[in-house]
Amino acid sequence: MTHPIRLPLVLSLFLIALFACSGYATPRPPLAPIEGIQLAHGHLQQHHIGAARWVLEKATRQAPRSMMLRQCLTQVTQAIPSPPSRTPLRDRLLTLLTRLTLIEWGTLTSLGVAMMGIQWVRYRWRRRVPSLITLGLLGVWMGGCAMGWGAYAWEWRYPWAVLADDQVVSVTPNGPPQGVTVVAGEKVRQRGQRPHWVHIERANGQHGWVPSSTCWTL
């Protein structure tokens, strides 16, 4: 193996090791699964179902592989009346892409960049043109990585939130109500913010404004 080809390989291995070490170096989640369940149980005893779902959602994000948390979250979610809706393709795709963590997407991206570097070095030094199949696979690989990073960017731009109390959705901030009530514990998407107000989107596509004090970001 020649030196120009060895360099991208060493760089890719360094990037993979860096992402892996950053995963092990992350601090311990501040909320353990059993602590989250106990805290949510205390909220349920006080009939604060919105606070209970918010705690379970946060704990599930910190420990996504905890089956106990997922079961408790499912039970609480089933007790909350939600509007009839059909999950849009966008949300299903976002859920699928965010199953991988940022560290895993970073590792896949570094591997794709390394393979592209190897193909470029082979063409530059040996005049070997990559086949269409190789170029197509690399394009699909890097396109998938770009979609993964885009999904996390979308989640950061429009985060999920949970309503702490029952709220009547307003047409505009401080405006007249729409006659639509969002129940406590319902999970909504934040679309924008104003002072003391949050623009939300329900699962059935309805939009409106609610006070920011009752909309807790996940």
N, C-alpha and C. Protein backbone atom coordinates (compact mmCIF):
# COMPACT_ATOMS: atom_id res chain seq x y z
N MET A 1 0.86 -1.19 0.00
CA MET A 1 0.00 0.00 0.00
C MET A 1 0.90 1.25 0.00
N THR A 2 0.61 2.16 -0.89
CA THR A 2 1.44 3.35 -1.02
C THR A 2 1.10 4.37 0.06
N HIS A 3 2.02 5.31 0.22
CA HIS A 3 1.86 6.33 1.24
C HIS A 3 0.64 7.22 1.03
N PRO A 4 0.33 7.69 -0.22
CA PRO A 4 -0.84 8.55 -0.39
C PRO A 4 -2.16 7.89 0.00
N ILE A 5 -2.25 6.57 -0.13
CA ILE A 5 -3.48 5.90 0.26
C ILE A 5 -3.53 5.68 1.76
N ARG A 6 -2.36 5.55 2.40
CA ARG A 6 -2.32 5.33 3.82
C ARG A 6 -2.79 6.55 4.60
N LEU A 7 -2.55 7.72 4.06
CA LEU A 7 -2.89 8.94 4.78
C LEU A 7 -4.41 9.08 5.03
N PRO A 8 -5.29 8.89 4.04
CA PRO A 8 -6.73 8.97 4.35
C PRO A 8 -7.19 7.91 5.34
N LEU A 9 -6.59 6.73 5.29
CA LEU A 9 -6.97 5.68 6.23
C LEU A 9 -6.62 6.07 7.66
N VAL A 10 -5.41 6.61 7.84
CA VAL A 10 -5.00 7.04 9.18
C VAL A 10 -5.90 8.16 9.68
N LEU A 11 -6.26 9.09 8.78
CA LEU A 11 -7.13 10.20 9.17
C LEU A 11 -8.52 9.70 9.56
N SER A 12 -9.06 8.75 8.80
CA SER A 12 -10.39 8.22 9.12
C SER A 12 -10.38 7.48 10.45
N LEU A 13 -9.33 6.68 10.71
CA LEU A 13 -9.24 5.97 11.99
C LEU A 13 -9.13 6.95 13.15
N PHE A 14 -8.42 8.05 12.93
CA PHE A 14 -8.31 9.06 13.98
C PHE A 14 -9.67 9.70 14.26
N LEU A 15 -10.44 9.99 13.21
CA LEU A 15 -11.75 10.59 13.41
C LEU A 15 -12.71 9.63 14.12
N ILE A 16 -12.66 8.35 13.74
CA ILE A 16 -13.52 7.36 14.39
C ILE A 16 -13.17 7.24 15.87
N ALA A 17 -11.87 7.19 16.17
CA ALA A 17 -11.46 7.11 17.58
C ALA A 17 -11.88 8.36 18.35
N LEU A 18 -11.82 9.52 17.69
CA LEU A 18 -12.22 10.76 18.35
C LEU A 18 -13.70 10.76 18.69
N PHE A 19 -14.55 10.33 17.75
CA PHE A 19 -15.99 10.27 18.02
C PHE A 19 -16.30 9.24 19.09
N ALA A 20 -15.61 8.10 19.05
CA ALA A 20 -15.87 7.07 20.05
C ALA A 20 -15.47 7.54 21.45
N CYS A 21 -14.32 8.18 21.55
CA CYS A 21 -13.87 8.69 22.85
C CYS A 21 -14.78 9.78 23.37
N SER A 22 -15.30 10.61 22.48
CA SER A 22 -16.22 11.66 22.94
C SER A 22 -17.50 11.05 23.48
N GLY A 23 -17.92 9.90 22.95
CA GLY A 23 -19.09 9.23 23.49
C GLY A 23 -18.86 8.70 24.89
N TYR A 24 -17.66 8.12 25.13
CA TYR A 24 -17.38 7.63 26.47
C TYR A 24 -17.09 8.76 27.45
N ALA A 25 -16.69 9.92 26.93
CA ALA A 25 -16.34 11.03 27.81
C ALA A 25 -17.54 11.86 28.24
N THR A 26 -18.73 11.59 27.66
CA THR A 26 -19.89 12.37 28.05
C THR A 26 -20.25 12.09 29.50
N PRO A 27 -20.70 13.09 30.24
CA PRO A 27 -21.01 12.88 31.65
C PRO A 27 -22.22 11.97 31.83
N ARG A 28 -22.37 11.44 33.00
CA ARG A 28 -23.50 10.59 33.33
C ARG A 28 -24.79 11.40 33.26
N PRO A 29 -25.84 10.85 32.67
CA PRO A 29 -27.10 11.59 32.61
C PRO A 29 -27.56 12.00 34.00
N PRO A 30 -28.05 13.23 34.15
CA PRO A 30 -28.44 13.69 35.48
C PRO A 30 -29.67 12.99 36.03
N LEU A 31 -30.43 12.29 35.16
CA LEU A 31 -31.66 11.65 35.59
C LEU A 31 -31.59 10.17 35.21
N ALA A 32 -31.41 9.30 36.19
CA ALA A 32 -31.37 7.86 35.95
C ALA A 32 -32.78 7.36 35.67
N PRO A 33 -32.91 6.20 34.98
CA PRO A 33 -34.26 5.70 34.67
C PRO A 33 -35.14 5.52 35.89
N ILE A 34 -34.62 4.91 36.96
CA ILE A 34 -35.45 4.68 38.14
C ILE A 34 -35.83 6.00 38.80
N GLU A 35 -34.93 6.99 38.77
CA GLU A 35 -35.25 8.30 39.33
C GLU A 35 -36.34 8.98 38.51
N GLY A 36 -36.26 8.85 37.18
CA GLY A 36 -37.30 9.43 36.34
C GLY A 36 -38.66 8.82 36.58
N ILE A 37 -38.70 7.50 36.75
CA ILE A 37 -39.98 6.82 37.01
C ILE A 37 -40.55 7.25 38.36
N GLN A 38 -39.70 7.34 39.38
CA GLN A 38 -40.19 7.76 40.69
C GLN A 38 -40.70 9.20 40.66
N LEU A 39 -39.99 10.07 39.96
CA LEU A 39 -40.42 11.46 39.87
C LEU A 39 -41.74 11.57 39.10
N ALA A 40 -41.86 10.81 38.01
CA ALA A 40 -43.10 10.83 37.25
C ALA A 40 -44.26 10.26 38.06
N HIS A 41 -44.00 9.23 38.86
CA HIS A 41 -45.04 8.66 39.72
C HIS A 41 -45.53 9.70 40.74
N GLY A 42 -44.62 10.49 41.28
CA GLY A 42 -45.03 11.54 42.20
C GLY A 42 -45.91 12.58 41.54
N HIS A 43 -45.59 12.94 40.27
CA HIS A 43 -46.43 13.90 39.55
C HIS A 43 -47.81 13.31 39.26
N LEU A 44 -47.86 12.01 38.94
CA LEU A 44 -49.15 11.39 38.66
C LEU A 44 -50.02 11.34 39.90
N GLN A 45 -49.41 11.11 41.06
CA GLN A 45 -50.19 11.10 42.29
C GLN A 45 -50.81 12.47 42.57
N GLN A 46 -50.15 13.54 42.10
CA GLN A 46 -50.69 14.89 42.27
C GLN A 46 -51.54 15.31 41.07
N HIS A 47 -51.81 14.35 40.14
CA HIS A 47 -52.63 14.59 38.96
C HIS A 47 -51.99 15.62 38.02
N HIS A 48 -50.67 15.65 37.97
CA HIS A 48 -49.95 16.51 37.04
C HIS A 48 -49.42 15.63 35.90
N ILE A 49 -50.33 15.27 34.99
CA ILE A 49 -49.95 14.34 33.94
C ILE A 49 -49.00 14.97 32.93
N GLY A 50 -49.12 16.29 32.73
CA GLY A 50 -48.19 16.96 31.82
C GLY A 50 -46.76 16.92 32.33
N ALA A 51 -46.58 17.19 33.63
CA ALA A 51 -45.24 17.14 34.21
C ALA A 51 -44.71 15.71 34.20
N ALA A 52 -45.59 14.72 34.42
CA ALA A 52 -45.14 13.32 34.40
C ALA A 52 -44.64 12.92 33.03
N ARG A 53 -45.37 13.30 31.97
CA ARG A 53 -44.91 12.94 30.63
C ARG A 53 -43.61 13.67 30.28
N TRP A 54 -43.49 14.92 30.69
CA TRP A 54 -42.27 15.67 30.40
C TRP A 54 -41.06 14.99 31.04
N VAL A 55 -41.20 14.56 32.29
CA VAL A 55 -40.10 13.88 32.98
C VAL A 55 -39.75 12.58 32.27
N LEU A 56 -40.75 11.80 31.88
CA LEU A 56 -40.48 10.53 31.21
C LEU A 56 -39.87 10.74 29.83
N GLU A 57 -40.31 11.76 29.12
CA GLU A 57 -39.72 12.05 27.80
C GLU A 57 -38.25 12.43 27.94
N LYS A 58 -37.94 13.28 28.93
CA LYS A 58 -36.55 13.68 29.14
C LYS A 58 -35.70 12.49 29.55
N ALA A 59 -36.21 11.64 30.44
CA ALA A 59 -35.45 10.48 30.88
C ALA A 59 -35.25 9.49 29.75
N THR A 60 -36.25 9.34 28.87
CA THR A 60 -36.11 8.43 27.74
C THR A 60 -35.07 8.93 26.75
N ARG A 61 -34.98 10.23 26.56
CA ARG A 61 -33.95 10.78 25.67
C ARG A 61 -32.55 10.55 26.24
N GLN A 62 -32.42 10.56 27.56
CA GLN A 62 -31.11 10.36 28.18
C GLN A 62 -30.75 8.87 28.25
N ALA A 63 -31.75 8.01 28.32
CA ALA A 63 -31.52 6.55 28.36
C ALA A 63 -32.44 5.90 27.34
N PRO A 64 -32.14 6.02 26.03
CA PRO A 64 -33.08 5.55 25.00
C PRO A 64 -33.25 4.04 24.96
N ARG A 65 -32.36 3.27 25.57
CA ARG A 65 -32.44 1.82 25.52
C ARG A 65 -33.08 1.22 26.77
N SER A 66 -33.67 2.03 27.61
CA SER A 66 -34.33 1.55 28.82
C SER A 66 -35.76 1.13 28.48
N MET A 67 -36.02 -0.17 28.50
CA MET A 67 -37.36 -0.67 28.21
C MET A 67 -38.35 -0.28 29.30
N MET A 68 -37.89 -0.18 30.54
CA MET A 68 -38.77 0.19 31.64
C MET A 68 -39.31 1.61 31.44
N LEU A 69 -38.44 2.53 31.00
CA LEU A 69 -38.89 3.89 30.75
C LEU A 69 -39.87 3.94 29.58
N ARG A 70 -39.59 3.18 28.54
CA ARG A 70 -40.47 3.18 27.38
C ARG A 70 -41.86 2.65 27.73
N GLN A 71 -41.91 1.62 28.57
CA GLN A 71 -43.21 1.08 28.97
C GLN A 71 -44.00 2.09 29.79
N CYS A 72 -43.33 2.76 30.72
CA CYS A 72 -44.01 3.78 31.53
C CYS A 72 -44.49 4.93 30.65
N LEU A 73 -43.65 5.35 29.69
CA LEU A 73 -44.03 6.45 28.81
C LEU A 73 -45.22 6.05 27.94
N THR A 74 -45.25 4.81 27.48
CA THR A 74 -46.38 4.35 26.68
C THR A 74 -47.67 4.34 27.48
N GLN A 75 -47.61 3.91 28.74
CA GLN A 75 -48.80 3.90 29.58
C GLN A 75 -49.32 5.31 29.84
N VAL A 76 -48.40 6.25 30.09
CA VAL A 76 -48.84 7.63 30.32
C VAL A 76 -49.40 8.24 29.05
N THR A 77 -48.77 7.95 27.91
CA THR A 77 -49.22 8.51 26.64
C THR A 77 -50.61 8.01 26.27
N GLN A 78 -50.88 6.74 26.55
CA GLN A 78 -52.20 6.19 26.23
C GLN A 78 -53.30 6.80 27.09
N ALA A 79 -52.94 7.33 28.24
CA ALA A 79 -53.95 7.95 29.12
C ALA A 79 -54.26 9.38 28.72
N ILE A 80 -53.51 9.95 27.77
CA ILE A 80 -53.71 11.33 27.36
C ILE A 80 -54.52 11.34 26.07
N PRO A 81 -55.68 11.99 26.05
CA PRO A 81 -56.46 12.07 24.80
C PRO A 81 -55.73 12.95 23.79
N SER A 82 -55.52 12.40 22.61
CA SER A 82 -54.81 13.14 21.56
C SER A 82 -55.71 13.25 20.34
N PRO A 83 -55.52 14.27 19.52
CA PRO A 83 -56.38 14.43 18.34
C PRO A 83 -56.12 13.33 17.32
N PRO A 84 -57.15 12.86 16.63
CA PRO A 84 -56.93 11.85 15.59
C PRO A 84 -56.08 12.41 14.47
N SER A 85 -55.06 11.68 14.12
CA SER A 85 -54.13 12.17 13.10
C SER A 85 -53.45 10.99 12.43
N ARG A 86 -52.83 11.29 11.32
CA ARG A 86 -52.01 10.32 10.61
C ARG A 86 -50.58 10.85 10.61
N THR A 87 -49.66 10.06 11.15
CA THR A 87 -48.29 10.52 11.29
C THR A 87 -47.73 10.89 9.92
N PRO A 88 -47.33 12.16 9.71
CA PRO A 88 -46.81 12.53 8.39
C PRO A 88 -45.49 11.85 8.10
N LEU A 89 -45.18 11.76 6.83
CA LEU A 89 -43.94 11.11 6.40
C LEU A 89 -42.72 11.82 6.97
N ARG A 90 -42.81 13.13 7.13
CA ARG A 90 -41.69 13.89 7.68
C ARG A 90 -41.34 13.42 9.09
N ASP A 91 -42.35 13.28 9.95
CA ASP A 91 -42.08 12.86 11.33
C ASP A 91 -41.61 11.42 11.40
N ARG A 92 -42.15 10.56 10.54
CA ARG A 92 -41.68 9.17 10.53
C ARG A 92 -40.23 9.08 10.08
N LEU A 93 -39.86 9.90 9.10
CA LEU A 93 -38.48 9.90 8.64
C LEU A 93 -37.54 10.46 9.70
N LEU A 94 -37.98 11.53 10.40
CA LEU A 94 -37.17 12.09 11.47
C LEU A 94 -36.97 11.09 12.61
N THR A 95 -38.02 10.37 12.96
CA THR A 95 -37.90 9.36 14.01
C THR A 95 -36.92 8.27 13.61
N LEU A 96 -36.95 7.87 12.34
CA LEU A 96 -36.04 6.83 11.87
C LEU A 96 -34.60 7.30 11.88
N LEU A 97 -34.37 8.54 11.43
CA LEU A 97 -32.99 9.04 11.33
C LEU A 97 -32.39 9.34 12.69
N THR A 98 -33.20 9.78 13.64
CA THR A 98 -32.66 10.12 14.96
C THR A 98 -32.49 8.91 15.87
N ARG A 99 -32.75 7.71 15.34
CA ARG A 99 -32.43 6.51 16.13
C ARG A 99 -30.92 6.37 16.33
N LEU A 100 -30.14 6.89 15.37
CA LEU A 100 -28.69 6.92 15.52
C LEU A 100 -28.28 8.21 16.22
N THR A 101 -27.30 8.12 17.09
CA THR A 101 -26.82 9.30 17.80
C THR A 101 -25.92 10.14 16.89
N LEU A 102 -25.60 11.34 17.36
CA LEU A 102 -24.71 12.20 16.59
C LEU A 102 -23.32 11.59 16.45
N ILE A 103 -22.88 10.85 17.46
CA ILE A 103 -21.57 10.21 17.39
C ILE A 103 -21.56 9.14 16.30
N GLU A 104 -22.65 8.38 16.21
CA GLU A 104 -22.73 7.35 15.17
C GLU A 104 -22.81 7.97 13.78
N TRP A 105 -23.55 9.05 13.63
CA TRP A 105 -23.59 9.73 12.33
C TRP A 105 -22.23 10.32 11.99
N GLY A 106 -21.52 10.84 13.00
CA GLY A 106 -20.18 11.36 12.75
C GLY A 106 -19.21 10.27 12.31
N THR A 107 -19.33 9.08 12.90
CA THR A 107 -18.48 7.96 12.50
C THR A 107 -18.76 7.55 11.07
N LEU A 108 -20.04 7.44 10.71
CA LEU A 108 -20.39 7.08 9.33
C LEU A 108 -19.92 8.13 8.33
N THR A 109 -20.04 9.41 8.72
CA THR A 109 -19.58 10.47 7.83
C THR A 109 -18.08 10.42 7.62
N SER A 110 -17.32 10.17 8.69
CA SER A 110 -15.87 10.09 8.56
C SER A 110 -15.46 8.90 7.69
N LEU A 111 -16.18 7.79 7.80
CA LEU A 111 -15.89 6.65 6.93
C LEU A 111 -16.17 6.98 5.47
N GLY A 112 -17.29 7.68 5.22
CA GLY A 112 -17.59 8.07 3.84
C GLY A 112 -16.55 9.01 3.27
N VAL A 113 -16.11 9.98 4.08
CA VAL A 113 -15.07 10.91 3.61
C VAL A 113 -13.77 10.16 3.34
N ALA A 114 -13.42 9.19 4.19
CA ALA A 114 -12.20 8.42 3.97
C ALA A 114 -12.28 7.61 2.69
N MET A 115 -13.42 6.99 2.41
CA MET A 115 -13.55 6.22 1.17
C MET A 115 -13.50 7.12 -0.05
N MET A 116 -14.10 8.31 0.05
CA MET A 116 -13.98 9.25 -1.07
C MET A 116 -12.54 9.69 -1.27
N GLY A 117 -11.80 9.89 -0.16
CA GLY A 117 -10.38 10.25 -0.28
C GLY A 117 -9.56 9.15 -0.91
N ILE A 118 -9.87 7.91 -0.57
CA ILE A 118 -9.13 6.80 -1.18
C ILE A 118 -9.39 6.73 -2.67
N GLN A 119 -10.64 6.91 -3.09
CA GLN A 119 -10.94 6.89 -4.52
C GLN A 119 -10.25 8.04 -5.24
N TRP A 120 -10.20 9.19 -4.61
CA TRP A 120 -9.52 10.33 -5.24
C TRP A 120 -8.04 10.07 -5.37
N VAL A 121 -7.41 9.49 -4.34
CA VAL A 121 -5.97 9.19 -4.39
C VAL A 121 -5.68 8.15 -5.45
N ARG A 122 -6.53 7.13 -5.58
CA ARG A 122 -6.32 6.12 -6.62
C ARG A 122 -6.40 6.73 -8.01
N TYR A 123 -7.33 7.68 -8.19
CA TYR A 123 -7.42 8.33 -9.49
C TYR A 123 -6.25 9.28 -9.71
N ARG A 124 -5.82 9.96 -8.67
CA ARG A 124 -4.76 10.95 -8.80
C ARG A 124 -3.41 10.31 -9.06
N TRP A 125 -3.13 9.20 -8.40
CA TRP A 125 -1.79 8.61 -8.48
C TRP A 125 -1.72 7.41 -9.41
N ARG A 126 -2.81 6.71 -9.60
CA ARG A 126 -2.79 5.52 -10.45
C ARG A 126 -3.69 5.63 -11.68
N ARG A 127 -4.37 6.76 -11.80
CA ARG A 127 -5.27 7.00 -12.92
C ARG A 127 -6.33 5.92 -13.06
N ARG A 128 -6.85 5.46 -11.92
CA ARG A 128 -7.91 4.46 -11.92
C ARG A 128 -9.23 5.17 -11.67
N VAL A 129 -10.07 5.20 -12.67
CA VAL A 129 -11.36 5.89 -12.55
C VAL A 129 -12.33 4.98 -11.78
N PRO A 130 -12.98 5.47 -10.73
CA PRO A 130 -13.95 4.64 -9.98
C PRO A 130 -15.12 4.23 -10.88
N SER A 131 -15.65 3.07 -10.63
CA SER A 131 -16.79 2.59 -11.40
C SER A 131 -18.06 3.35 -11.00
N LEU A 132 -19.06 3.26 -11.85
CA LEU A 132 -20.32 3.93 -11.57
C LEU A 132 -21.00 3.34 -10.32
N ILE A 133 -20.80 2.04 -10.11
CA ILE A 133 -21.39 1.43 -8.91
C ILE A 133 -20.75 2.00 -7.65
N THR A 134 -19.42 2.15 -7.66
CA THR A 134 -18.73 2.71 -6.51
C THR A 134 -19.16 4.15 -6.25
N LEU A 135 -19.23 4.94 -7.32
CA LEU A 135 -19.66 6.33 -7.16
C LEU A 135 -21.11 6.41 -6.66
N GLY A 136 -21.97 5.51 -7.16
CA GLY A 136 -23.36 5.51 -6.71
C GLY A 136 -23.49 5.14 -5.24
N LEU A 137 -22.73 4.12 -4.81
CA LEU A 137 -22.78 3.73 -3.40
C LEU A 137 -22.26 4.84 -2.50
N LEU A 138 -21.17 5.49 -2.93
CA LEU A 138 -20.65 6.60 -2.14
C LEU A 138 -21.65 7.75 -2.07
N GLY A 139 -22.35 8.00 -3.19
CA GLY A 139 -23.35 9.05 -3.19
C GLY A 139 -24.51 8.75 -2.25
N VAL A 140 -24.97 7.49 -2.26
CA VAL A 140 -26.05 7.10 -1.35
C VAL A 140 -25.57 7.19 0.10
N TRP A 141 -24.34 6.75 0.35
CA TRP A 141 -23.77 6.79 1.71
C TRP A 141 -23.75 8.21 2.25
N MET A 142 -23.15 9.12 1.45
CA MET A 142 -23.02 10.49 1.91
C MET A 142 -24.38 11.21 1.94
N GLY A 143 -25.29 10.82 1.02
CA GLY A 143 -26.63 11.39 1.07
C GLY A 143 -27.37 11.00 2.34
N GLY A 144 -27.22 9.72 2.76
CA GLY A 144 -27.82 9.29 4.02
C GLY A 144 -27.25 10.03 5.21
N CYS A 145 -25.92 10.25 5.21
CA CYS A 145 -25.30 11.00 6.31
C CYS A 145 -25.81 12.44 6.33
N ALA A 146 -25.96 13.03 5.14
CA ALA A 146 -26.48 14.40 5.10
C ALA A 146 -27.92 14.46 5.63
N MET A 147 -28.73 13.45 5.33
CA MET A 147 -30.09 13.41 5.86
C MET A 147 -30.09 13.25 7.38
N GLY A 148 -29.14 12.45 7.91
CA GLY A 148 -29.06 12.29 9.36
C GLY A 148 -28.72 13.59 10.06
N TRP A 149 -27.72 14.31 9.53
CA TRP A 149 -27.38 15.60 10.13
C TRP A 149 -28.53 16.60 9.97
N GLY A 150 -29.22 16.53 8.82
CA GLY A 150 -30.36 17.42 8.61
C GLY A 150 -31.50 17.15 9.57
N ALA A 151 -31.71 15.87 9.92
CA ALA A 151 -32.77 15.53 10.88
C ALA A 151 -32.48 16.13 12.24
N TYR A 152 -31.23 16.05 12.68
CA TYR A 152 -30.89 16.65 13.97
C TYR A 152 -30.97 18.18 13.92
N ALA A 153 -30.63 18.76 12.77
CA ALA A 153 -30.77 20.21 12.63
C ALA A 153 -32.24 20.62 12.70
N TRP A 154 -33.13 19.81 12.09
CA TRP A 154 -34.56 20.10 12.16
C TRP A 154 -35.08 19.98 13.59
N GLU A 155 -34.63 18.93 14.30
CA GLU A 155 -35.06 18.76 15.69
C GLU A 155 -34.56 19.91 16.57
N TRP A 156 -33.39 20.44 16.26
CA TRP A 156 -32.88 21.58 17.03
C TRP A 156 -33.66 22.85 16.70
N ARG A 157 -34.04 23.01 15.42
CA ARG A 157 -34.76 24.23 15.01
C ARG A 157 -36.21 24.20 15.47
N TYR A 158 -36.87 23.06 15.39
CA TYR A 158 -38.27 22.93 15.79
C TYR A 158 -38.38 21.81 16.82
N PRO A 159 -38.07 22.08 18.07
CA PRO A 159 -38.05 21.01 19.07
C PRO A 159 -39.46 20.60 19.49
N TRP A 160 -39.53 19.42 20.10
CA TRP A 160 -40.79 18.95 20.69
C TRP A 160 -41.00 19.61 22.04
N ALA A 161 -42.25 19.67 22.46
CA ALA A 161 -42.60 20.23 23.76
C ALA A 161 -43.82 19.50 24.30
N VAL A 162 -44.03 19.62 25.60
CA VAL A 162 -45.16 19.01 26.28
C VAL A 162 -45.92 20.10 27.02
N LEU A 163 -47.24 20.10 26.88
CA LEU A 163 -48.08 21.08 27.58
C LEU A 163 -48.27 20.65 29.03
N ALA A 164 -47.97 21.54 29.95
CA ALA A 164 -48.11 21.22 31.37
C ALA A 164 -49.56 21.27 31.83
N ASP A 165 -50.37 22.15 31.25
CA ASP A 165 -51.77 22.30 31.65
C ASP A 165 -52.63 22.39 30.40
N ASP A 166 -53.94 22.23 30.60
CA ASP A 166 -54.88 22.43 29.50
C ASP A 166 -54.86 23.89 29.06
N GLN A 167 -54.76 24.09 27.74
CA GLN A 167 -54.68 25.44 27.21
C GLN A 167 -55.57 25.56 25.99
N VAL A 168 -56.19 26.74 25.85
CA VAL A 168 -56.97 27.06 24.66
C VAL A 168 -56.05 27.77 23.68
N VAL A 169 -55.95 27.24 22.48
CA VAL A 169 -55.03 27.78 21.47
C VAL A 169 -55.57 29.12 20.96
N SER A 170 -54.69 30.11 20.89
CA SER A 170 -55.05 31.43 20.38
C SER A 170 -54.61 31.59 18.93
N VAL A 171 -55.31 32.42 18.21
CA VAL A 171 -54.96 32.67 16.81
C VAL A 171 -53.63 33.40 16.71
N THR A 172 -53.45 34.42 17.53
CA THR A 172 -52.22 35.21 17.59
C THR A 172 -51.86 35.41 19.05
N PRO A 173 -50.62 35.81 19.35
CA PRO A 173 -50.27 36.12 20.75
C PRO A 173 -51.21 37.20 21.30
N ASN A 174 -51.80 36.92 22.46
CA ASN A 174 -52.77 37.82 23.10
C ASN A 174 -54.01 38.03 22.24
N GLY A 175 -54.23 37.12 21.29
CA GLY A 175 -55.36 37.26 20.39
C GLY A 175 -56.55 36.42 20.82
N PRO A 176 -57.60 36.39 20.00
CA PRO A 176 -58.80 35.63 20.35
C PRO A 176 -58.54 34.13 20.28
N PRO A 177 -59.23 33.35 21.10
CA PRO A 177 -59.03 31.90 21.07
C PRO A 177 -59.64 31.28 19.82
N GLN A 178 -59.08 30.13 19.42
CA GLN A 178 -59.59 29.40 18.26
C GLN A 178 -60.73 28.46 18.62
N GLY A 179 -60.91 28.21 19.91
CA GLY A 179 -61.89 27.22 20.31
C GLY A 179 -61.33 25.81 20.36
N VAL A 180 -60.00 25.69 20.19
CA VAL A 180 -59.32 24.39 20.24
C VAL A 180 -58.57 24.30 21.56
N THR A 181 -58.78 23.23 22.31
CA THR A 181 -58.13 23.04 23.60
C THR A 181 -57.06 21.96 23.48
N VAL A 182 -55.86 22.27 23.93
CA VAL A 182 -54.76 21.32 23.99
C VAL A 182 -54.69 20.80 25.41
N VAL A 183 -54.79 19.49 25.58
CA VAL A 183 -54.85 18.91 26.92
C VAL A 183 -53.45 18.82 27.51
N ALA A 184 -53.40 18.73 28.82
CA ALA A 184 -52.12 18.59 29.52
C ALA A 184 -51.45 17.27 29.14
N GLY A 185 -50.15 17.34 28.88
CA GLY A 185 -49.40 16.16 28.51
C GLY A 185 -49.32 15.91 27.03
N GLU A 186 -50.05 16.68 26.21
CA GLU A 186 -49.99 16.47 24.76
C GLU A 186 -48.64 16.94 24.22
N LYS A 187 -48.10 16.15 23.32
CA LYS A 187 -46.81 16.45 22.72
C LYS A 187 -47.01 17.24 21.44
N VAL A 188 -46.38 18.41 21.37
CA VAL A 188 -46.56 19.31 20.22
C VAL A 188 -45.18 19.72 19.71
N ARG A 189 -45.21 20.28 18.51
CA ARG A 189 -43.98 20.78 17.89
C ARG A 189 -43.94 22.30 17.99
N GLN A 190 -42.81 22.85 18.45
CA GLN A 190 -42.65 24.29 18.53
C GLN A 190 -42.27 24.84 17.15
N ARG A 191 -43.03 25.81 16.68
CA ARG A 191 -42.78 26.40 15.36
C ARG A 191 -42.23 27.82 15.44
N GLY A 192 -42.33 28.46 16.57
CA GLY A 192 -41.83 29.82 16.71
C GLY A 192 -42.07 30.33 18.12
N GLN A 193 -41.47 31.47 18.42
CA GLN A 193 -41.58 32.04 19.76
C GLN A 193 -41.75 33.55 19.67
N ARG A 194 -42.50 34.08 20.60
CA ARG A 194 -42.64 35.50 20.86
C ARG A 194 -42.49 35.70 22.36
N PRO A 195 -42.30 36.93 22.82
CA PRO A 195 -42.21 37.14 24.28
C PRO A 195 -43.44 36.59 25.00
N HIS A 196 -43.20 35.59 25.85
CA HIS A 196 -44.21 34.96 26.70
C HIS A 196 -45.19 34.08 25.92
N TRP A 197 -44.93 33.82 24.63
CA TRP A 197 -45.83 33.01 23.82
C TRP A 197 -45.02 32.04 22.96
N VAL A 198 -45.62 30.89 22.64
CA VAL A 198 -44.99 29.89 21.79
C VAL A 198 -45.98 29.46 20.72
N HIS A 199 -45.51 29.42 19.48
CA HIS A 199 -46.32 28.94 18.37
C HIS A 199 -46.15 27.42 18.25
N ILE A 200 -47.25 26.68 18.38
CA ILE A 200 -47.17 25.22 18.41
C ILE A 200 -47.91 24.63 17.21
N GLU A 201 -47.55 23.38 16.90
CA GLU A 201 -48.24 22.60 15.87
C GLU A 201 -48.63 21.26 16.47
N ARG A 202 -49.91 20.94 16.41
CA ARG A 202 -50.41 19.68 16.95
C ARG A 202 -50.17 18.54 15.96
N ALA A 203 -50.46 17.32 16.41
CA ALA A 203 -50.25 16.15 15.56
C ALA A 203 -51.19 16.13 14.37
N ASN A 204 -52.36 16.78 14.49
CA ASN A 204 -53.31 16.81 13.39
C ASN A 204 -53.11 17.99 12.46
N GLY A 205 -52.03 18.75 12.67
CA GLY A 205 -51.71 19.87 11.78
C GLY A 205 -52.25 21.21 12.22
N GLN A 206 -53.00 21.29 13.31
CA GLN A 206 -53.52 22.57 13.79
C GLN A 206 -52.40 23.43 14.39
N HIS A 207 -52.44 24.72 14.09
CA HIS A 207 -51.45 25.67 14.59
C HIS A 207 -52.12 26.63 15.55
N GLY A 208 -51.30 27.23 16.42
CA GLY A 208 -51.81 28.24 17.33
C GLY A 208 -50.76 28.65 18.33
N TRP A 209 -51.15 29.58 19.20
CA TRP A 209 -50.24 30.14 20.19
C TRP A 209 -50.74 29.80 21.60
N VAL A 210 -49.77 29.45 22.46
CA VAL A 210 -50.07 29.18 23.87
C VAL A 210 -49.04 29.90 24.73
N PRO A 211 -49.33 30.18 25.99
CA PRO A 211 -48.33 30.82 26.86
C PRO A 211 -47.09 29.95 27.03
N SER A 212 -45.93 30.58 26.99
CA SER A 212 -44.67 29.84 27.08
C SER A 212 -44.47 29.21 28.46
N SER A 213 -45.15 29.73 29.48
CA SER A 213 -44.97 29.17 30.82
C SER A 213 -45.54 27.77 30.93
N THR A 214 -46.46 27.39 30.06
CA THR A 214 -47.07 26.06 30.11
C THR A 214 -46.54 25.12 29.04
N CYS A 215 -45.62 25.60 28.20
CA CYS A 215 -45.06 24.78 27.13
C CYS A 215 -43.62 24.44 27.48
N TRP A 216 -43.36 23.19 27.86
CA TRP A 216 -42.06 22.76 28.34
C TRP A 216 -41.32 22.05 27.23
N THR A 217 -40.15 22.59 26.87
CA THR A 217 -39.37 22.04 25.77
C THR A 217 -38.66 20.76 26.20
N LEU A 218 -38.63 19.79 25.30
CA LEU A 218 -37.94 18.54 25.58
C LEU A 218 -36.46 18.66 25.21
